[in-house]
Amino acid sequence: MIIGNNVGISYCAITCSKSIWIGDNVLIGSGCKIYDTDFHPIDSRYGDTMDNSRSGSEKIVLEDGCFVGAHSIILKGVTIGKNAVIGAGSVVAKDVPAGEIWAGNPVKYIRTISD
């Protein structure tokens, strides 16, 4: 796990099994959850075993200047682009491009941030 400079992280749960990269000037609101793992195997054939090597894990990247609203959930494999905004209470399971506002469950495009 790598955390950049000037990062604000309020009361959150962050689980890093593989890799979470948080850039500079990132703000993460209260109650957010960031998980780069499934925690356990999804395949029911392996669900009752203790071998967590079968559980899925993918890198998460929060690029410089992005903002994650309170109580949002960021799931494995997601990249949130530079200066992007995630609305409060969102569930993010896909990449969010730089300079855009996304929100909802599941997260969807709202608009581009204008200069």
PDB file of N, CA and C in Angstrom:
ATOM      1  N   MET A   1       0.853  -1.176   0.000  1.00  0.00           N
ATOM      2  CA  MET A   1       0.000   0.000   0.000  1.00  0.00           C
ATOM      3  C   MET A   1       0.895   1.234   0.000  1.00  0.00           C
ATOM      4  N   ILE A   2       0.589   2.147  -0.915  1.00  0.00           N
ATOM      5  CA  ILE A   2       1.352   3.387  -1.024  1.00  0.00           C
ATOM      6  C   ILE A   2       0.388   4.558  -0.884  1.00  0.00           C
ATOM      7  N   ILE A   3       0.712   5.500   0.001  1.00  0.00           N
ATOM      8  CA  ILE A   3      -0.110   6.688   0.214  1.00  0.00           C
ATOM      9  C   ILE A   3       0.751   7.907  -0.073  1.00  0.00           C
ATOM     10  N   GLY A   4       0.264   8.769  -0.967  1.00  0.00           N
ATOM     11  CA  GLY A   4       1.003   9.957  -1.372  1.00  0.00           C
ATOM     12  C   GLY A   4       0.990  11.059  -0.328  1.00  0.00           C
ATOM     13  N   ASN A   5       1.391  12.241  -0.744  1.00  0.00           N
ATOM     14  CA  ASN A   5       1.464  13.413   0.127  1.00  0.00           C
ATOM     15  C   ASN A   5       0.139  14.165   0.156  1.00  0.00           C
ATOM     16  N   ASN A   6      -0.112  14.825   1.284  1.00  0.00           N
ATOM     17  CA  ASN A   6      -1.287  15.681   1.446  1.00  0.00           C
ATOM     18  C   ASN A   6      -2.584  14.916   1.193  1.00  0.00           C
ATOM     19  N   VAL A   7      -2.686  13.728   1.764  1.00  0.00           N
ATOM     20  CA  VAL A   7      -3.859  12.865   1.605  1.00  0.00           C
ATOM     21  C   VAL A   7      -4.706  12.953   2.862  1.00  0.00           C
ATOM     22  N   GLY A   8      -6.026  13.085   2.691  1.00  0.00           N
ATOM     23  CA  GLY A   8      -6.946  13.093   3.814  1.00  0.00           C
ATOM     24  C   GLY A   8      -7.800  11.843   3.794  1.00  0.00           C
ATOM     25  N   ILE A   9      -7.689  11.039   4.835  1.00  0.00           N
ATOM     26  CA  ILE A   9      -8.479   9.812   4.948  1.00  0.00           C
ATOM     27  C   ILE A   9      -9.237   9.880   6.262  1.00  0.00           C
ATOM     28  N   SER A  10     -10.553   9.994   6.177  1.00  0.00           N
ATOM     29  CA  SER A  10     -11.373   9.998   7.386  1.00  0.00           C
ATOM     30  C   SER A  10     -11.604   8.557   7.824  1.00  0.00           C
ATOM     31  N   TYR A  11     -12.425   8.363   8.812  1.00  0.00           N
ATOM     32  CA  TYR A  11     -12.712   7.040   9.357  1.00  0.00           C
ATOM     33  C   TYR A  11     -13.111   6.100   8.222  1.00  0.00           C
ATOM     34  N   CYS A  12     -12.232   5.166   7.858  1.00  0.00           N
ATOM     35  CA  CYS A  12     -12.440   4.279   6.713  1.00  0.00           C
ATOM     36  C   CYS A  12     -11.969   2.870   7.035  1.00  0.00           C
ATOM     37  N   ALA A  13     -12.397   1.918   6.194  1.00  0.00           N
ATOM     38  CA  ALA A  13     -11.879   0.551   6.237  1.00  0.00           C
ATOM     39  C   ALA A  13     -11.158   0.300   4.927  1.00  0.00           C
ATOM     40  N   ILE A  14      -9.866   0.001   5.005  1.00  0.00           N
ATOM     41  CA  ILE A  14      -9.068  -0.273   3.817  1.00  0.00           C
ATOM     42  C   ILE A  14      -8.433  -1.647   3.995  1.00  0.00           C
ATOM     43  N   THR A  15      -8.735  -2.567   3.068  1.00  0.00           N
ATOM     44  CA  THR A  15      -8.146  -3.893   3.094  1.00  0.00           C
ATOM     45  C   THR A  15      -7.273  -4.060   1.867  1.00  0.00           C
ATOM     46  N   CYS A  16      -5.979  -4.258   2.095  1.00  0.00           N
ATOM     47  CA  CYS A  16      -5.005  -4.367   1.005  1.00  0.00           C
ATOM     48  C   CYS A  16      -4.397  -5.764   1.007  1.00  0.00           C
ATOM     49  N   SER A  17      -4.850  -6.588   0.078  1.00  0.00           N
ATOM     50  CA  SER A  17      -4.299  -7.922  -0.078  1.00  0.00           C
ATOM     51  C   SER A  17      -3.179  -7.942  -1.109  1.00  0.00           C
ATOM     52  N   LYS A  18      -3.317  -7.122  -2.153  1.00  0.00           N
ATOM     53  CA  LYS A  18      -2.336  -7.088  -3.241  1.00  0.00           C
ATOM     54  C   LYS A  18      -1.680  -5.718  -3.359  1.00  0.00           C
ATOM     55  N   SER A  19      -2.472  -4.696  -3.767  1.00  0.00           N
ATOM     56  CA  SER A  19      -1.882  -3.378  -3.990  1.00  0.00           C
ATOM     57  C   SER A  19      -2.949  -2.294  -4.026  1.00  0.00           C
ATOM     58  N   ILE A  20      -2.761  -1.280  -3.202  1.00  0.00           N
ATOM     59  CA  ILE A  20      -3.587  -0.077  -3.252  1.00  0.00           C
ATOM     60  C   ILE A  20      -2.630   1.102  -3.325  1.00  0.00           C
ATOM     61  N   TRP A  21      -2.815   1.943  -4.339  1.00  0.00           N
ATOM     62  CA  TRP A  21      -1.968   3.108  -4.544  1.00  0.00           C
ATOM     63  C   TRP A  21      -2.844   4.347  -4.458  1.00  0.00           C
ATOM     64  N   ILE A  22      -2.543   5.239  -3.511  1.00  0.00           N
ATOM     65  CA  ILE A  22      -3.287   6.482  -3.317  1.00  0.00           C
ATOM     66  C   ILE A  22      -2.335   7.627  -3.629  1.00  0.00           C
ATOM     67  N   GLY A  23      -2.673   8.415  -4.643  1.00  0.00           N
ATOM     68  CA  GLY A  23      -1.807   9.500  -5.098  1.00  0.00           C
ATOM     69  C   GLY A  23      -1.819  10.702  -4.171  1.00  0.00           C
ATOM     70  N   ASP A  24      -1.180  11.768  -4.608  1.00  0.00           N
ATOM     71  CA  ASP A  24      -1.106  13.011  -3.852  1.00  0.00           C
ATOM     72  C   ASP A  24      -2.438  13.762  -3.887  1.00  0.00           C
ATOM     73  N   ASN A  25      -2.718  14.508  -2.817  1.00  0.00           N
ATOM     74  CA  ASN A  25      -3.883  15.402  -2.735  1.00  0.00           C
ATOM     75  C   ASN A  25      -5.215  14.680  -2.917  1.00  0.00           C
ATOM     76  N   VAL A  26      -5.292  13.456  -2.453  1.00  0.00           N
ATOM     77  CA  VAL A  26      -6.527  12.669  -2.521  1.00  0.00           C
ATOM     78  C   VAL A  26      -7.297  12.862  -1.217  1.00  0.00           C
ATOM     79  N   LEU A  27      -8.620  12.969  -1.320  1.00  0.00           N
ATOM     80  CA  LEU A  27      -9.488  13.059  -0.144  1.00  0.00           C
ATOM     81  C   LEU A  27     -10.453  11.884  -0.158  1.00  0.00           C
ATOM     82  N   ILE A  28     -10.534  11.179   0.967  1.00  0.00           N
ATOM     83  CA  ILE A  28     -11.417  10.025   1.099  1.00  0.00           C
ATOM     84  C   ILE A  28     -12.338  10.290   2.277  1.00  0.00           C
ATOM     85  N   GLY A  29     -13.632  10.374   2.003  1.00  0.00           N
ATOM     86  CA  GLY A  29     -14.618  10.738   3.008  1.00  0.00           C
ATOM     87  C   GLY A  29     -14.848   9.671   4.066  1.00  0.00           C
ATOM     88  N   SER A  30     -15.496  10.082   5.127  1.00  0.00           N
ATOM     89  CA  SER A  30     -15.781   9.223   6.267  1.00  0.00           C
ATOM     90  C   SER A  30     -16.611   8.005   5.870  1.00  0.00           C
ATOM     91  N   GLY A  31     -16.285   6.876   6.460  1.00  0.00           N
ATOM     92  CA  GLY A  31     -17.068   5.666   6.274  1.00  0.00           C
ATOM     93  C   GLY A  31     -16.836   4.936   4.966  1.00  0.00           C
ATOM     94  N   CYS A  32     -15.835   5.344   4.199  1.00  0.00           N
ATOM     95  CA  CYS A  32     -15.550   4.659   2.931  1.00  0.00           C
ATOM     96  C   CYS A  32     -14.930   3.293   3.202  1.00  0.00           C
ATOM     97  N   LYS A  33     -15.118   2.401   2.225  1.00  0.00           N
ATOM     98  CA  LYS A  33     -14.513   1.076   2.271  1.00  0.00           C
ATOM     99  C   LYS A  33     -13.760   0.871   0.964  1.00  0.00           C
ATOM    100  N   ILE A  34     -12.507   0.453   1.065  1.00  0.00           N
ATOM    101  CA  ILE A  34     -11.670   0.216  -0.105  1.00  0.00           C
ATOM    102  C   ILE A  34     -11.107  -1.195   0.029  1.00  0.00           C
ATOM    103  N   TYR A  35     -11.514  -2.083  -0.883  1.00  0.00           N
ATOM    104  CA  TYR A  35     -11.136  -3.493  -0.809  1.00  0.00           C
ATOM    105  C   TYR A  35     -10.527  -3.945  -2.131  1.00  0.00           C
ATOM    106  N   ASP A  36      -9.288  -4.399  -2.111  1.00  0.00           N
ATOM    107  CA  ASP A  36      -8.677  -4.922  -3.335  1.00  0.00           C
ATOM    108  C   ASP A  36      -8.803  -6.444  -3.438  1.00  0.00           C
ATOM    109  N   THR A  37      -9.677  -7.030  -2.643  1.00  0.00           N
ATOM    110  CA  THR A  37      -9.809  -8.480  -2.582  1.00  0.00           C
ATOM    111  C   THR A  37     -11.269  -8.902  -2.438  1.00  0.00           C
ATOM    112  N   ASP A  38     -11.532 -10.166  -2.789  1.00  0.00           N
ATOM    113  CA  ASP A  38     -12.853 -10.765  -2.565  1.00  0.00           C
ATOM    114  C   ASP A  38     -12.957 -11.350  -1.160  1.00  0.00           C
ATOM    115  N   PHE A  39     -11.862 -11.398  -0.435  1.00  0.00           N
ATOM    116  CA  PHE A  39     -11.749 -11.931   0.928  1.00  0.00           C
ATOM    117  C   PHE A  39     -11.769 -13.455   0.994  1.00  0.00           C
ATOM    118  N   HIS A  40     -12.433 -14.103   0.067  1.00  0.00           N
ATOM    119  CA  HIS A  40     -12.547 -15.563   0.071  1.00  0.00           C
ATOM    120  C   HIS A  40     -12.795 -16.025  -1.359  1.00  0.00           C
ATOM    121  N   PRO A  41     -12.571 -17.305  -1.639  1.00  0.00           N
ATOM    122  CA  PRO A  41     -12.860 -17.800  -2.982  1.00  0.00           C
ATOM    123  C   PRO A  41     -14.342 -17.659  -3.311  1.00  0.00           C
ATOM    124  N   ILE A  42     -14.620 -17.202  -4.527  1.00  0.00           N
ATOM    125  CA  ILE A  42     -16.011 -17.068  -4.953  1.00  0.00           C
ATOM    126  C   ILE A  42     -16.558 -18.405  -5.427  1.00  0.00           C
ATOM    127  N   ASP A  43     -15.726 -19.239  -6.013  1.00  0.00           N
ATOM    128  CA  ASP A  43     -16.135 -20.548  -6.512  1.00  0.00           C
ATOM    129  C   ASP A  43     -16.580 -21.411  -5.335  1.00  0.00           C
ATOM    130  N   SER A  44     -17.823 -21.844  -5.340  1.00  0.00           N
ATOM    131  CA  SER A  44     -18.370 -22.597  -4.210  1.00  0.00           C
ATOM    132  C   SER A  44     -17.610 -23.894  -3.958  1.00  0.00           C
ATOM    133  N   ARG A  45     -16.912 -24.403  -4.972  1.00  0.00           N
ATOM    134  CA  ARG A  45     -16.119 -25.622  -4.766  1.00  0.00           C
ATOM    135  C   ARG A  45     -14.991 -25.378  -3.774  1.00  0.00           C
ATOM    136  N   TYR A  46     -14.578 -24.112  -3.619  1.00  0.00           N
ATOM    137  CA  TYR A  46     -13.459 -23.802  -2.740  1.00  0.00           C
ATOM    138  C   TYR A  46     -13.876 -22.946  -1.549  1.00  0.00           C
ATOM    139  N   GLY A  47     -15.125 -22.606  -1.443  1.00  0.00           N
ATOM    140  CA  GLY A  47     -15.598 -21.681  -0.415  1.00  0.00           C
ATOM    141  C   GLY A  47     -15.418 -22.162   1.005  1.00  0.00           C
ATOM    142  N   ASP A  48     -15.352 -23.460   1.190  1.00  0.00           N
ATOM    143  CA  ASP A  48     -15.241 -23.974   2.549  1.00  0.00           C
ATOM    144  C   ASP A  48     -13.801 -24.296   2.946  1.00  0.00           C
ATOM    145  N   THR A  49     -12.838 -23.928   2.107  1.00  0.00           N
ATOM    146  CA  THR A  49     -11.443 -24.208   2.443  1.00  0.00           C
ATOM    147  C   THR A  49     -10.801 -22.997   3.110  1.00  0.00           C
ATOM    148  N   MET A  50      -9.663 -23.198   3.691  1.00  0.00           N
ATOM    149  CA  MET A  50      -8.929 -22.109   4.318  1.00  0.00           C
ATOM    150  C   MET A  50      -7.869 -21.526   3.374  1.00  0.00           C
ATOM    151  N   ASP A  51      -7.800 -22.026   2.147  1.00  0.00           N
ATOM    152  CA  ASP A  51      -6.794 -21.576   1.183  1.00  0.00           C
ATOM    153  C   ASP A  51      -7.256 -20.298   0.501  1.00  0.00           C
ATOM    154  N   ASN A  52      -6.833 -19.149   1.043  1.00  0.00           N
ATOM    155  CA  ASN A  52      -7.246 -17.864   0.478  1.00  0.00           C
ATOM    156  C   ASN A  52      -6.472 -17.480  -0.776  1.00  0.00           C
ATOM    157  N   SER A  53      -5.529 -18.322  -1.220  1.00  0.00           N
ATOM    158  CA  SER A  53      -4.795 -18.011  -2.447  1.00  0.00           C
ATOM    159  C   SER A  53      -5.714 -18.032  -3.663  1.00  0.00           C
ATOM    160  N   ARG A  54      -6.860 -18.654  -3.539  1.00  0.00           N
ATOM    161  CA  ARG A  54      -7.821 -18.695  -4.644  1.00  0.00           C
ATOM    162  C   ARG A  54      -8.747 -17.474  -4.671  1.00  0.00           C
ATOM    163  N   SER A  55      -8.712 -16.655  -3.645  1.00  0.00           N
ATOM    164  CA  SER A  55      -9.572 -15.470  -3.633  1.00  0.00           C
ATOM    165  C   SER A  55      -9.004 -14.430  -4.584  1.00  0.00           C
ATOM    166  N   GLY A  56      -9.890 -13.733  -5.288  1.00  0.00           N
ATOM    167  CA  GLY A  56      -9.465 -12.735  -6.267  1.00  0.00           C
ATOM    168  C   GLY A  56      -8.951 -11.470  -5.613  1.00  0.00           C
ATOM    169  N   SER A  57      -7.894 -10.912  -6.186  1.00  0.00           N
ATOM    170  CA  SER A  57      -7.335  -9.658  -5.706  1.00  0.00           C
ATOM    171  C   SER A  57      -6.765  -8.899  -6.892  1.00  0.00           C
ATOM    172  N   GLU A  58      -7.097  -7.609  -6.998  1.00  0.00           N
ATOM    173  CA  GLU A  58      -6.603  -6.777  -8.090  1.00  0.00           C
ATOM    174  C   GLU A  58      -6.277  -5.386  -7.560  1.00  0.00           C
ATOM    175  N   LYS A  59      -5.272  -4.775  -8.153  1.00  0.00           N
ATOM    176  CA  LYS A  59      -4.773  -3.460  -7.742  1.00  0.00           C
ATOM    177  C   LYS A  59      -5.854  -2.380  -7.827  1.00  0.00           C
ATOM    178  N   ILE A  60      -5.833  -1.463  -6.862  1.00  0.00           N
ATOM    179  CA  ILE A  60      -6.675  -0.262  -6.872  1.00  0.00           C
ATOM    180  C   ILE A  60      -5.752   0.946  -6.972  1.00  0.00           C
ATOM    181  N   VAL A  61      -6.124   1.908  -7.828  1.00  0.00           N
ATOM    182  CA  VAL A  61      -5.352   3.139  -7.980  1.00  0.00           C
ATOM    183  C   VAL A  61      -6.282   4.333  -7.815  1.00  0.00           C
ATOM    184  N   LEU A  62      -5.954   5.219  -6.886  1.00  0.00           N
ATOM    185  CA  LEU A  62      -6.647   6.499  -6.733  1.00  0.00           C
ATOM    186  C   LEU A  62      -5.644   7.563  -7.167  1.00  0.00           C
ATOM    187  N   GLU A  63      -5.833   8.101  -8.369  1.00  0.00           N
ATOM    188  CA  GLU A  63      -4.862   9.041  -8.926  1.00  0.00           C
ATOM    189  C   GLU A  63      -4.918  10.397  -8.226  1.00  0.00           C
ATOM    190  N   ASP A  64      -3.887  11.198  -8.445  1.00  0.00           N
ATOM    191  CA  ASP A  64      -3.739  12.499  -7.792  1.00  0.00           C
ATOM    192  C   ASP A  64      -5.006  13.347  -7.876  1.00  0.00           C
ATOM    193  N   GLY A  65      -5.351  13.954  -6.745  1.00  0.00           N
ATOM    194  CA  GLY A  65      -6.415  14.943  -6.704  1.00  0.00           C
ATOM    195  C   GLY A  65      -7.826  14.412  -6.754  1.00  0.00           C
ATOM    196  N   CYS A  66      -8.013  13.100  -6.702  1.00  0.00           N
ATOM    197  CA  CYS A  66      -9.397  12.604  -6.750  1.00  0.00           C
ATOM    198  C   CYS A  66     -10.054  12.733  -5.375  1.00  0.00           C
ATOM    199  N   PHE A  67     -11.376  12.708  -5.381  1.00  0.00           N
ATOM    200  CA  PHE A  67     -12.175  12.857  -4.165  1.00  0.00           C
ATOM    201  C   PHE A  67     -13.165  11.707  -4.116  1.00  0.00           C
ATOM    202  N   VAL A  68     -13.213  11.007  -2.992  1.00  0.00           N
ATOM    203  CA  VAL A  68     -14.153   9.907  -2.804  1.00  0.00           C
ATOM    204  C   VAL A  68     -15.114  10.317  -1.695  1.00  0.00           C
ATOM    205  N   GLY A  69     -16.399  10.470  -2.046  1.00  0.00           N
ATOM    206  CA  GLY A  69     -17.406  10.916  -1.092  1.00  0.00           C
ATOM    207  C   GLY A  69     -17.678   9.901   0.007  1.00  0.00           C
ATOM    208  N   ALA A  70     -18.206  10.388   1.115  1.00  0.00           N
ATOM    209  CA  ALA A  70     -18.470   9.582   2.307  1.00  0.00           C
ATOM    210  C   ALA A  70     -19.268   8.323   1.990  1.00  0.00           C
ATOM    211  N   HIS A  71     -18.933   7.263   2.686  1.00  0.00           N
ATOM    212  CA  HIS A  71     -19.639   5.977   2.644  1.00  0.00           C
ATOM    213  C   HIS A  71     -19.618   5.300   1.277  1.00  0.00           C
ATOM    214  N   SER A  72     -18.677   5.667   0.435  1.00  0.00           N
ATOM    215  CA  SER A  72     -18.523   4.985  -0.850  1.00  0.00           C
ATOM    216  C   SER A  72     -17.732   3.696  -0.658  1.00  0.00           C
ATOM    217  N   ILE A  73     -17.922   2.771  -1.605  1.00  0.00           N
ATOM    218  CA  ILE A  73     -17.203   1.501  -1.598  1.00  0.00           C
ATOM    219  C   ILE A  73     -16.423   1.401  -2.905  1.00  0.00           C
ATOM    220  N   ILE A  74     -15.113   1.202  -2.796  1.00  0.00           N
ATOM    221  CA  ILE A  74     -14.246   1.040  -3.959  1.00  0.00           C
ATOM    222  C   ILE A  74     -13.814  -0.425  -3.988  1.00  0.00           C
ATOM    223  N   LEU A  75     -14.145  -1.122  -5.071  1.00  0.00           N
ATOM    224  CA  LEU A  75     -13.862  -2.547  -5.170  1.00  0.00           C
ATOM    225  C   LEU A  75     -12.622  -2.831  -6.005  1.00  0.00           C
ATOM    226  N   LYS A  76     -12.153  -4.054  -5.938  1.00  0.00           N
ATOM    227  CA  LYS A  76     -10.895  -4.471  -6.566  1.00  0.00           C
ATOM    228  C   LYS A  76     -10.830  -4.133  -8.051  1.00  0.00           C
ATOM    229  N   GLY A  77      -9.606  -3.838  -8.506  1.00  0.00           N
ATOM    230  CA  GLY A  77      -9.354  -3.612  -9.918  1.00  0.00           C
ATOM    231  C   GLY A  77      -9.711  -2.243 -10.445  1.00  0.00           C
ATOM    232  N   VAL A  78     -10.113  -1.326  -9.580  1.00  0.00           N
ATOM    233  CA  VAL A  78     -10.596  -0.009 -10.002  1.00  0.00           C
ATOM    234  C   VAL A  78      -9.460   1.012 -10.043  1.00  0.00           C
ATOM    235  N   THR A  79      -9.500   1.863 -11.078  1.00  0.00           N
ATOM    236  CA  THR A  79      -8.665   3.059 -11.125  1.00  0.00           C
ATOM    237  C   THR A  79      -9.588   4.262 -11.168  1.00  0.00           C
ATOM    238  N   ILE A  80      -9.398   5.194 -10.240  1.00  0.00           N
ATOM    239  CA  ILE A  80     -10.135   6.454 -10.247  1.00  0.00           C
ATOM    240  C   ILE A  80      -9.159   7.510 -10.743  1.00  0.00           C
ATOM    241  N   GLY A  81      -9.499   8.133 -11.863  1.00  0.00           N
ATOM    242  CA  GLY A  81      -8.593   9.038 -12.555  1.00  0.00           C
ATOM    243  C   GLY A  81      -8.309  10.337 -11.823  1.00  0.00           C
ATOM    244  N   LYS A  82      -7.293  11.027 -12.312  1.00  0.00           N
ATOM    245  CA  LYS A  82      -6.839  12.290 -11.740  1.00  0.00           C
ATOM    246  C   LYS A  82      -7.989  13.295 -11.666  1.00  0.00           C
ATOM    247  N   ASN A  83      -8.162  13.893 -10.490  1.00  0.00           N
ATOM    248  CA  ASN A  83      -9.170  14.932 -10.221  1.00  0.00           C
ATOM    249  C   ASN A  83     -10.613  14.474 -10.432  1.00  0.00           C
ATOM    250  N   ALA A  84     -10.852  13.175 -10.451  1.00  0.00           N
ATOM    251  CA  ALA A  84     -12.223  12.667 -10.553  1.00  0.00           C
ATOM    252  C   ALA A  84     -12.918  12.796  -9.196  1.00  0.00           C
ATOM    253  N   VAL A  85     -14.251  12.823  -9.231  1.00  0.00           N
ATOM    254  CA  VAL A  85     -15.061  12.925  -8.014  1.00  0.00           C
ATOM    255  C   VAL A  85     -16.031  11.753  -7.973  1.00  0.00           C
ATOM    256  N   ILE A  86     -16.081  11.077  -6.825  1.00  0.00           N
ATOM    257  CA  ILE A  86     -17.032   9.997  -6.587  1.00  0.00           C
ATOM    258  C   ILE A  86     -18.047  10.507  -5.572  1.00  0.00           C
ATOM    259  N   GLY A  87     -19.323  10.516  -5.949  1.00  0.00           N
ATOM    260  CA  GLY A  87     -20.373  11.000  -5.059  1.00  0.00           C
ATOM    261  C   GLY A  87     -20.551  10.101  -3.847  1.00  0.00           C
ATOM    262  N   ALA A  88     -21.044  10.670  -2.768  1.00  0.00           N
ATOM    263  CA  ALA A  88     -21.248   9.941  -1.517  1.00  0.00           C
ATOM    264  C   ALA A  88     -22.135   8.721  -1.727  1.00  0.00           C
ATOM    265  N   GLY A  89     -21.798   7.642  -1.053  1.00  0.00           N
ATOM    266  CA  GLY A  89     -22.602   6.432  -1.081  1.00  0.00           C
ATOM    267  C   GLY A  89     -22.489   5.612  -2.350  1.00  0.00           C
ATOM    268  N   SER A  90     -21.508   5.891  -3.174  1.00  0.00           N
ATOM    269  CA  SER A  90     -21.360   5.181  -4.448  1.00  0.00           C
ATOM    270  C   SER A  90     -20.686   3.823  -4.260  1.00  0.00           C
ATOM    271  N   VAL A  91     -20.994   2.904  -5.182  1.00  0.00           N
ATOM    272  CA  VAL A  91     -20.314   1.618  -5.246  1.00  0.00           C
ATOM    273  C   VAL A  91     -19.559   1.581  -6.567  1.00  0.00           C
ATOM    274  N   VAL A  92     -18.224   1.598  -6.482  1.00  0.00           N
ATOM    275  CA  VAL A  92     -17.370   1.723  -7.664  1.00  0.00           C
ATOM    276  C   VAL A  92     -16.731   0.373  -7.972  1.00  0.00           C
ATOM    277  N   ALA A  93     -17.172  -0.248  -9.071  1.00  0.00           N
ATOM    278  CA  ALA A  93     -16.642  -1.546  -9.488  1.00  0.00           C
ATOM    279  C   ALA A  93     -16.031  -1.475 -10.882  1.00  0.00           C
ATOM    280  N   LYS A  94     -15.920  -0.250 -11.428  1.00  0.00           N
ATOM    281  CA  LYS A  94     -15.287  -0.078 -12.739  1.00  0.00           C
ATOM    282  C   LYS A  94     -14.503   1.220 -12.724  1.00  0.00           C
ATOM    283  N   ASP A  95     -13.600   1.357 -13.686  1.00  0.00           N
ATOM    284  CA  ASP A  95     -12.738   2.535 -13.743  1.00  0.00           C
ATOM    285  C   ASP A  95     -13.532   3.815 -13.965  1.00  0.00           C
ATOM    286  N   VAL A  96     -13.040   4.893 -13.359  1.00  0.00           N
ATOM    287  CA  VAL A  96     -13.622   6.226 -13.510  1.00  0.00           C
ATOM    288  C   VAL A  96     -12.557   7.109 -14.161  1.00  0.00           C
ATOM    289  N   PRO A  97     -12.865   7.693 -15.332  1.00  0.00           N
ATOM    290  CA  PRO A  97     -11.870   8.518 -16.033  1.00  0.00           C
ATOM    291  C   PRO A  97     -11.530   9.802 -15.273  1.00  0.00           C
ATOM    292  N   ALA A  98     -10.373  10.348 -15.597  1.00  0.00           N
ATOM    293  CA  ALA A  98      -9.911  11.602 -14.998  1.00  0.00           C
ATOM    294  C   ALA A  98     -10.883  12.735 -15.294  1.00  0.00           C
ATOM    295  N   GLY A  99     -11.050  13.627 -14.307  1.00  0.00           N
ATOM    296  CA  GLY A  99     -11.817  14.848 -14.505  1.00  0.00           C
ATOM    297  C   GLY A  99     -13.308  14.667 -14.690  1.00  0.00           C
ATOM    298  N   GLU A 100     -13.855  13.564 -14.193  1.00  0.00           N
ATOM    299  CA  GLU A 100     -15.296  13.325 -14.313  1.00  0.00           C
ATOM    300  C   GLU A 100     -15.917  13.093 -12.943  1.00  0.00           C
ATOM    301  N   ILE A 101     -17.226  13.348 -12.858  1.00  0.00           N
ATOM    302  CA  ILE A 101     -18.000  13.078 -11.649  1.00  0.00           C
ATOM    303  C   ILE A 101     -18.840  11.836 -11.911  1.00  0.00           C
ATOM    304  N   TRP A 102     -18.741  10.876 -11.008  1.00  0.00           N
ATOM    305  CA  TRP A 102     -19.518   9.643 -11.087  1.00  0.00           C
ATOM    306  C   TRP A 102     -20.173   9.419  -9.726  1.00  0.00           C
ATOM    307  N   ALA A 103     -21.369   8.817  -9.729  1.00  0.00           N
ATOM    308  CA  ALA A 103     -22.060   8.545  -8.465  1.00  0.00           C
ATOM    309  C   ALA A 103     -23.092   7.446  -8.661  1.00  0.00           C
ATOM    310  N   GLY A 104     -23.526   6.862  -7.554  1.00  0.00           N
ATOM    311  CA  GLY A 104     -24.620   5.900  -7.573  1.00  0.00           C
ATOM    312  C   GLY A 104     -24.197   4.484  -7.238  1.00  0.00           C
ATOM    313  N   ASN A 105     -25.209   3.620  -7.218  1.00  0.00           N
ATOM    314  CA  ASN A 105     -25.019   2.195  -6.955  1.00  0.00           C
ATOM    315  C   ASN A 105     -25.811   1.397  -7.979  1.00  0.00           C
ATOM    316  N   PRO A 106     -25.122   0.911  -9.016  1.00  0.00           N
ATOM    317  CA  PRO A 106     -23.693   1.024  -9.278  1.00  0.00           C
ATOM    318  C   PRO A 106     -23.334   2.425  -9.772  1.00  0.00           C
ATOM    319  N   VAL A 107     -22.058   2.758  -9.674  1.00  0.00           N
ATOM    320  CA  VAL A 107     -21.597   4.086 -10.068  1.00  0.00           C
ATOM    321  C   VAL A 107     -21.866   4.326 -11.556  1.00  0.00           C
ATOM    322  N   LYS A 108     -22.281   5.553 -11.880  1.00  0.00           N
ATOM    323  CA  LYS A 108     -22.501   5.909 -13.288  1.00  0.00           C
ATOM    324  C   LYS A 108     -22.021   7.337 -13.522  1.00  0.00           C
ATOM    325  N   TYR A 109     -21.761   7.631 -14.775  1.00  0.00           N
ATOM    326  CA  TYR A 109     -21.264   8.942 -15.181  1.00  0.00           C
ATOM    327  C   TYR A 109     -22.319  10.012 -14.911  1.00  0.00           C
ATOM    328  N   ILE A 110     -21.904  11.135 -14.312  1.00  0.00           N
ATOM    329  CA  ILE A 110     -22.792  12.275 -14.077  1.00  0.00           C
ATOM    330  C   ILE A 110     -22.440  13.402 -15.038  1.00  0.00           C
ATOM    331  N   ARG A 111     -21.194  13.846 -14.997  1.00  0.00           N
ATOM    332  CA  ARG A 111     -20.764  14.903 -15.920  1.00  0.00           C
ATOM    333  C   ARG A 111     -19.253  15.073 -15.848  1.00  0.00           C
ATOM    334  N   THR A 112     -18.734  15.834 -16.808  1.00  0.00           N
ATOM    335  CA  THR A 112     -17.319  16.180 -16.820  1.00  0.00           C
ATOM    336  C   THR A 112     -17.124  17.450 -16.006  1.00  0.00           C
ATOM    337  N   ILE A 113     -16.022  17.515 -15.285  1.00  0.00           N
ATOM    338  CA  ILE A 113     -15.709  18.705 -14.498  1.00  0.00           C
ATOM    339  C   ILE A 113     -15.140  19.750 -15.442  1.00  0.00           C
ATOM    340  N   SER A 114     -15.768  20.933 -15.469  1.00  0.00           N
ATOM    341  CA  SER A 114     -15.284  22.007 -16.342  1.00  0.00           C
ATOM    342  C   SER A 114     -14.275  22.863 -15.585  1.00  0.00           C
ATOM    343  N   ASP A 115     -13.399  23.508 -16.342  1.00  0.00           N
ATOM    344  CA  ASP A 115     -12.363  24.354 -15.729  1.00  0.00           C
ATOM    345  C   ASP A 115     -12.930  25.592 -15.111  1.00  0.00           C
TER     346      ASP A 115
END
